[in-house]
PDB file of N, CA and C in Angstrom:
ATOM      1  N   MET A   1      -0.068  11.962 -12.805  1.00  0.00           N
ATOM      2  CA  MET A   1       0.894  11.142 -12.107  1.00  0.00           C
ATOM      3  C   MET A   1       1.185  11.793 -10.752  1.00  0.00           C
ATOM      4  N   ILE A   2       1.219  10.962  -9.708  1.00  0.00           N
ATOM      5  CA  ILE A   2       1.581  11.447  -8.380  1.00  0.00           C
ATOM      6  C   ILE A   2       2.684  10.554  -7.826  1.00  0.00           C
ATOM      7  N   GLU A   3       3.319  10.981  -6.738  1.00  0.00           N
ATOM      8  CA  GLU A   3       4.343  10.172  -6.086  1.00  0.00           C
ATOM      9  C   GLU A   3       3.910   9.822  -4.673  1.00  0.00           C
ATOM     10  N   ILE A   4       4.169   8.562  -4.312  1.00  0.00           N
ATOM     11  CA  ILE A   4       3.946   8.106  -2.942  1.00  0.00           C
ATOM     12  C   ILE A   4       5.218   7.392  -2.506  1.00  0.00           C
ATOM     13  N   ILE A   5       5.275   7.009  -1.254  1.00  0.00           N
ATOM     14  CA  ILE A   5       6.409   6.248  -0.731  1.00  0.00           C
ATOM     15  C   ILE A   5       5.904   4.852  -0.399  1.00  0.00           C
ATOM     16  N   VAL A   6       6.512   3.841  -1.004  1.00  0.00           N
ATOM     17  CA  VAL A   6       6.135   2.449  -0.766  1.00  0.00           C
ATOM     18  C   VAL A   6       7.338   1.730  -0.180  1.00  0.00           C
ATOM     19  N   ASN A   7       7.181   1.245   1.036  1.00  0.00           N
ATOM     20  CA  ASN A   7       8.267   0.547   1.737  1.00  0.00           C
ATOM     21  C   ASN A   7       9.567   1.348   1.689  1.00  0.00           C
ATOM     22  N   GLY A   8       9.448   2.655   1.921  1.00  0.00           N
ATOM     23  CA  GLY A   8      10.611   3.525   1.994  1.00  0.00           C
ATOM     24  C   GLY A   8      11.137   4.043   0.673  1.00  0.00           C
ATOM     25  N   GLU A   9      10.526   3.652  -0.445  1.00  0.00           N
ATOM     26  CA  GLU A   9      10.981   4.076  -1.774  1.00  0.00           C
ATOM     27  C   GLU A   9       9.940   4.941  -2.452  1.00  0.00           C
ATOM     28  N   ARG A  10      10.362   6.075  -3.011  1.00  0.00           N
ATOM     29  CA  ARG A  10       9.435   6.930  -3.772  1.00  0.00           C
ATOM     30  C   ARG A  10       9.033   6.211  -5.051  1.00  0.00           C
ATOM     31  N   LYS A  11       7.719   6.195  -5.318  1.00  0.00           N
ATOM     32  CA  LYS A  11       7.220   5.544  -6.532  1.00  0.00           C
ATOM     33  C   LYS A  11       6.166   6.426  -7.172  1.00  0.00           C
ATOM     34  N   PRO A  12       6.226   6.557  -8.494  1.00  0.00           N
ATOM     35  CA  PRO A  12       5.151   7.261  -9.192  1.00  0.00           C
ATOM     36  C   PRO A  12       3.990   6.296  -9.423  1.00  0.00           C
ATOM     37  N   ILE A  13       2.776   6.794  -9.239  1.00  0.00           N
ATOM     38  CA  ILE A  13       1.591   6.017  -9.596  1.00  0.00           C
ATOM     39  C   ILE A  13       0.705   6.905 -10.464  1.00  0.00           C
ATOM     40  N   SER A  14      -0.222   6.298 -11.165  1.00  0.00           N
ATOM     41  CA  SER A  14      -0.988   7.035 -12.172  1.00  0.00           C
ATOM     42  C   SER A  14      -1.862   8.141 -11.590  1.00  0.00           C
ATOM     43  N   SER A  15      -2.440   7.921 -10.408  1.00  0.00           N
ATOM     44  CA  SER A  15      -3.325   8.919  -9.811  1.00  0.00           C
ATOM     45  C   SER A  15      -3.651   8.493  -8.385  1.00  0.00           C
ATOM     46  N   GLU A  16      -4.428   9.336  -7.681  1.00  0.00           N
ATOM     47  CA  GLU A  16      -4.924   8.907  -6.380  1.00  0.00           C
ATOM     48  C   GLU A  16      -5.793   7.689  -6.598  1.00  0.00           C
ATOM     49  N   MET A  17      -5.706   6.716  -5.680  1.00  0.00           N
ATOM     50  CA  MET A  17      -6.461   5.475  -5.825  1.00  0.00           C
ATOM     51  C   MET A  17      -6.649   4.851  -4.461  1.00  0.00           C
ATOM     52  N   ASN A  18      -7.468   3.796  -4.404  1.00  0.00           N
ATOM     53  CA  ASN A  18      -7.632   3.099  -3.137  1.00  0.00           C
ATOM     54  C   ASN A  18      -6.562   1.999  -2.999  1.00  0.00           C
ATOM     55  N   ILE A  19      -6.510   1.389  -1.830  1.00  0.00           N
ATOM     56  CA  ILE A  19      -5.482   0.372  -1.552  1.00  0.00           C
ATOM     57  C   ILE A  19      -5.603  -0.811  -2.510  1.00  0.00           C
ATOM     58  N   ASP A  20      -6.825  -1.278  -2.785  1.00  0.00           N
ATOM     59  CA  ASP A  20      -7.009  -2.383  -3.742  1.00  0.00           C
ATOM     60  C   ASP A  20      -6.392  -2.042  -5.095  1.00  0.00           C
ATOM     61  N   GLU A  21      -6.682  -0.856  -5.589  1.00  0.00           N
ATOM     62  CA  GLU A  21      -6.157  -0.426  -6.885  1.00  0.00           C
ATOM     63  C   GLU A  21      -4.632  -0.302  -6.846  1.00  0.00           C
ATOM     64  N   LEU A  22      -4.105   0.206  -5.738  1.00  0.00           N
ATOM     65  CA  LEU A  22      -2.656   0.354  -5.598  1.00  0.00           C
ATOM     66  C   LEU A  22      -1.955  -0.993  -5.654  1.00  0.00           C
ATOM     67  N   ILE A  23      -2.484  -1.969  -4.942  1.00  0.00           N
ATOM     68  CA  ILE A  23      -1.880  -3.309  -4.934  1.00  0.00           C
ATOM     69  C   ILE A  23      -1.857  -3.889  -6.350  1.00  0.00           C
ATOM     70  N   LYS A  24      -2.933  -3.669  -7.098  1.00  0.00           N
ATOM     71  CA  LYS A  24      -2.967  -4.142  -8.492  1.00  0.00           C
ATOM     72  C   LYS A  24      -1.962  -3.383  -9.351  1.00  0.00           C
ATOM     73  N   GLU A  25      -1.901  -2.051  -9.202  1.00  0.00           N
ATOM     74  CA  GLU A  25      -0.973  -1.250 -10.004  1.00  0.00           C
ATOM     75  C   GLU A  25       0.485  -1.622  -9.720  1.00  0.00           C
ATOM     76  N   LEU A  26       0.791  -1.920  -8.456  1.00  0.00           N
ATOM     77  CA  LEU A  26       2.156  -2.310  -8.090  1.00  0.00           C
ATOM     78  C   LEU A  26       2.448  -3.764  -8.442  1.00  0.00           C
ATOM     79  N   GLU A  27       1.422  -4.480  -8.913  1.00  0.00           N
ATOM     80  CA  GLU A  27       1.541  -5.896  -9.269  1.00  0.00           C
ATOM     81  C   GLU A  27       2.052  -6.725  -8.097  1.00  0.00           C
ATOM     82  N   TYR A  28       1.517  -6.436  -6.918  1.00  0.00           N
ATOM     83  CA  TYR A  28       1.909  -7.151  -5.703  1.00  0.00           C
ATOM     84  C   TYR A  28       1.145  -8.458  -5.643  1.00  0.00           C
ATOM     85  N   LYS A  29       1.836  -9.576  -5.782  1.00  0.00           N
ATOM     86  CA  LYS A  29       1.174 -10.868  -5.911  1.00  0.00           C
ATOM     87  C   LYS A  29       1.267 -11.747  -4.661  1.00  0.00           C
ATOM     88  N   GLN A  30       2.131 -11.390  -3.721  1.00  0.00           N
ATOM     89  CA  GLN A  30       2.283 -12.199  -2.518  1.00  0.00           C
ATOM     90  C   GLN A  30       0.980 -12.192  -1.722  1.00  0.00           C
ATOM     91  N   LYS A  31       0.647 -13.313  -1.133  1.00  0.00           N
ATOM     92  CA  LYS A  31      -0.573 -13.432  -0.330  1.00  0.00           C
ATOM     93  C   LYS A  31      -0.229 -13.259   1.145  1.00  0.00           C
ATOM     94  N   GLY A  32      -1.220 -12.869   1.924  1.00  0.00           N
ATOM     95  CA  GLY A  32      -1.062 -12.821   3.370  1.00  0.00           C
ATOM     96  C   GLY A  32      -0.197 -11.673   3.865  1.00  0.00           C
ATOM     97  N   PHE A  33      -0.416 -10.485   3.374  1.00  0.00           N
ATOM     98  CA  PHE A  33       0.362  -9.334   3.814  1.00  0.00           C
ATOM     99  C   PHE A  33      -0.544  -8.339   4.535  1.00  0.00           C
ATOM    100  N   ALA A  34       0.082  -7.391   5.217  1.00  0.00           N
ATOM    101  CA  ALA A  34      -0.647  -6.318   5.896  1.00  0.00           C
ATOM    102  C   ALA A  34      -0.224  -5.000   5.268  1.00  0.00           C
ATOM    103  N   VAL A  35      -1.112  -4.002   5.347  1.00  0.00           N
ATOM    104  CA  VAL A  35      -0.827  -2.694   4.776  1.00  0.00           C
ATOM    105  C   VAL A  35      -0.990  -1.627   5.858  1.00  0.00           C
ATOM    106  N   ALA A  36      -0.040  -0.695   5.897  1.00  0.00           N
ATOM    107  CA  ALA A  36      -0.145   0.475   6.766  1.00  0.00           C
ATOM    108  C   ALA A  36      -0.072   1.715   5.879  1.00  0.00           C
ATOM    109  N   LEU A  37      -0.910   2.679   6.166  1.00  0.00           N
ATOM    110  CA  LEU A  37      -0.932   3.942   5.435  1.00  0.00           C
ATOM    111  C   LEU A  37      -0.584   5.047   6.418  1.00  0.00           C
ATOM    112  N   ASN A  38       0.524   5.735   6.165  1.00  0.00           N
ATOM    113  CA  ASN A  38       0.999   6.803   7.042  1.00  0.00           C
ATOM    114  C   ASN A  38       1.100   6.329   8.491  1.00  0.00           C
ATOM    115  N   GLY A  39       1.592   5.084   8.657  1.00  0.00           N
ATOM    116  CA  GLY A  39       1.833   4.532   9.986  1.00  0.00           C
ATOM    117  C   GLY A  39       0.633   3.900  10.669  1.00  0.00           C
ATOM    118  N   THR A  40      -0.520   3.851   9.984  1.00  0.00           N
ATOM    119  CA  THR A  40      -1.732   3.281  10.574  1.00  0.00           C
ATOM    120  C   THR A  40      -2.148   2.043   9.798  1.00  0.00           C
ATOM    121  N   PHE A  41      -2.377   0.942  10.520  1.00  0.00           N
ATOM    122  CA  PHE A  41      -2.819  -0.310   9.910  1.00  0.00           C
ATOM    123  C   PHE A  41      -4.121  -0.086   9.147  1.00  0.00           C
ATOM    124  N   VAL A  42      -4.223  -0.689   7.950  1.00  0.00           N
ATOM    125  CA  VAL A  42      -5.442  -0.604   7.140  1.00  0.00           C
ATOM    126  C   VAL A  42      -6.074  -1.994   7.112  1.00  0.00           C
ATOM    127  N   SER A  43      -7.300  -2.087   7.594  1.00  0.00           N
ATOM    128  CA  SER A  43      -8.027  -3.350   7.611  1.00  0.00           C
ATOM    129  C   SER A  43      -8.361  -3.786   6.188  1.00  0.00           C
ATOM    130  N   LEU A  44      -8.277  -5.065   5.941  1.00  0.00           N
ATOM    131  CA  LEU A  44      -8.603  -5.630   4.632  1.00  0.00           C
ATOM    132  C   LEU A  44     -10.006  -5.203   4.170  1.00  0.00           C
ATOM    133  N   THR A  45     -10.913  -5.079   5.094  1.00  0.00           N
ATOM    134  CA  THR A  45     -12.291  -4.713   4.744  1.00  0.00           C
ATOM    135  C   THR A  45     -12.426  -3.262   4.298  1.00  0.00           C
ATOM    136  N   THR A  46     -11.388  -2.447   4.509  1.00  0.00           N
ATOM    137  CA  THR A  46     -11.468  -1.041   4.099  1.00  0.00           C
ATOM    138  C   THR A  46     -10.521  -0.704   2.952  1.00  0.00           C
ATOM    139  N   TYR A  47      -9.915  -1.707   2.331  1.00  0.00           N
ATOM    140  CA  TYR A  47      -8.993  -1.451   1.213  1.00  0.00           C
ATOM    141  C   TYR A  47      -9.675  -0.652   0.096  1.00  0.00           C
ATOM    142  N   ASP A  48     -10.931  -0.964  -0.195  1.00  0.00           N
ATOM    143  CA  ASP A  48     -11.614  -0.291  -1.307  1.00  0.00           C
ATOM    144  C   ASP A  48     -12.037   1.143  -0.974  1.00  0.00           C
ATOM    145  N   SER A  49     -12.105   1.493   0.301  1.00  0.00           N
ATOM    146  CA  SER A  49     -12.534   2.845   0.680  1.00  0.00           C
ATOM    147  C   SER A  49     -11.392   3.710   1.217  1.00  0.00           C
ATOM    148  N   THR A  50     -10.186   3.140   1.331  1.00  0.00           N
ATOM    149  CA  THR A  50      -9.032   3.887   1.842  1.00  0.00           C
ATOM    150  C   THR A  50      -8.235   4.434   0.675  1.00  0.00           C
ATOM    151  N   LYS A  51      -8.187   5.752   0.554  1.00  0.00           N
ATOM    152  CA  LYS A  51      -7.514   6.423  -0.564  1.00  0.00           C
ATOM    153  C   LYS A  51      -6.036   6.686  -0.260  1.00  0.00           C
ATOM    154  N   VAL A  52      -5.218   6.525  -1.293  1.00  0.00           N
ATOM    155  CA  VAL A  52      -3.792   6.860  -1.239  1.00  0.00           C
ATOM    156  C   VAL A  52      -3.623   8.145  -2.049  1.00  0.00           C
ATOM    157  N   ARG A  53      -2.985   9.132  -1.416  1.00  0.00           N
ATOM    158  CA  ARG A  53      -2.835  10.442  -2.052  1.00  0.00           C
ATOM    159  C   ARG A  53      -1.363  10.832  -2.162  1.00  0.00           C
ATOM    160  N   GLU A  54      -1.104  11.900  -2.871  1.00  0.00           N
ATOM    161  CA  GLU A  54       0.257  12.442  -3.073  1.00  0.00           C
ATOM    162  C   GLU A  54       1.037  12.454  -1.755  1.00  0.00           C
ATOM    163  N   ASN A  55       2.263  11.944  -1.795  1.00  0.00           N
ATOM    164  CA  ASN A  55       3.214  11.927  -0.673  1.00  0.00           C
ATOM    165  C   ASN A  55       2.817  11.030   0.491  1.00  0.00           C
ATOM    166  N   ASP A  56       1.766  10.218   0.346  1.00  0.00           N
ATOM    167  CA  ASP A  56       1.434   9.262   1.399  1.00  0.00           C
ATOM    168  C   ASP A  56       2.529   8.205   1.490  1.00  0.00           C
ATOM    169  N   SER A  57       2.647   7.618   2.672  1.00  0.00           N
ATOM    170  CA  SER A  57       3.609   6.550   2.908  1.00  0.00           C
ATOM    171  C   SER A  57       2.844   5.240   3.123  1.00  0.00           C
ATOM    172  N   VAL A  58       3.147   4.262   2.277  1.00  0.00           N
ATOM    173  CA  VAL A  58       2.482   2.961   2.347  1.00  0.00           C
ATOM    174  C   VAL A  58       3.531   1.903   2.671  1.00  0.00           C
ATOM    175  N   GLU A  59       3.233   1.097   3.669  1.00  0.00           N
ATOM    176  CA  GLU A  59       4.093  -0.042   3.997  1.00  0.00           C
ATOM    177  C   GLU A  59       3.303  -1.303   3.712  1.00  0.00           C
ATOM    178  N   ILE A  60       3.887  -2.193   2.917  1.00  0.00           N
ATOM    179  CA  ILE A  60       3.278  -3.494   2.632  1.00  0.00           C
ATOM    180  C   ILE A  60       4.177  -4.521   3.330  1.00  0.00           C
ATOM    181  N   LEU A  61       3.615  -5.168   4.339  1.00  0.00           N
ATOM    182  CA  LEU A  61       4.399  -6.009   5.228  1.00  0.00           C
ATOM    183  C   LEU A  61       4.007  -7.464   5.086  1.00  0.00           C
ATOM    184  N   ALA A  62       4.969  -8.305   4.753  1.00  0.00           N
ATOM    185  CA  ALA A  62       4.737  -9.740   4.643  1.00  0.00           C
ATOM    186  C   ALA A  62       5.105 -10.400   5.971  1.00  0.00           C
ATOM    187  N   PRO A  63       4.394 -11.477   6.335  1.00  0.00           N
ATOM    188  CA  PRO A  63       4.733 -12.161   7.573  1.00  0.00           C
ATOM    189  C   PRO A  63       6.118 -12.798   7.478  1.00  0.00           C
ATOM    190  N   VAL A  64       6.796 -12.857   8.614  1.00  0.00           N
ATOM    191  CA  VAL A  64       8.137 -13.436   8.686  1.00  0.00           C
ATOM    192  C   VAL A  64       8.087 -14.617   9.623  1.00  0.00           C
ATOM    193  N   GLN A  65       8.648 -15.735   9.169  1.00  0.00           N
ATOM    194  CA  GLN A  65       8.699 -16.923  10.036  1.00  0.00           C
ATOM    195  C   GLN A  65      10.079 -17.014  10.659  1.00  0.00           C
ATOM    196  N   GLY A  66      10.107 -17.577  11.799  1.00  0.00           N
ATOM    197  CA  GLY A  66      11.389 -17.736  12.478  1.00  0.00           C
ATOM    198  C   GLY A  66      11.170 -18.197  13.894  1.00  0.00           C
ATOM    199  N   GLY A  67      12.240 -18.297  14.600  1.00  0.00           N
ATOM    200  CA  GLY A  67      12.058 -18.794  15.953  1.00  0.00           C
ATOM    201  C   GLY A  67      13.072 -18.314  16.900  1.00  0.00           C
TER     202      GLY A  67
END
């Protein structure tokens, strides 16, 4: 078990994993979101090759509508 920070909250996850695996483990079901790892945008095409490790900070950002 390791700990990471997701949207400002410490969360335990089972182990180091890639972004795709993390989204599944967190049961994140909303569509059309963006992910940043340690302040850097992660392209959808690299979710499977981008690893999340102990104490990493992950932001999952949903689009906001407004005017």
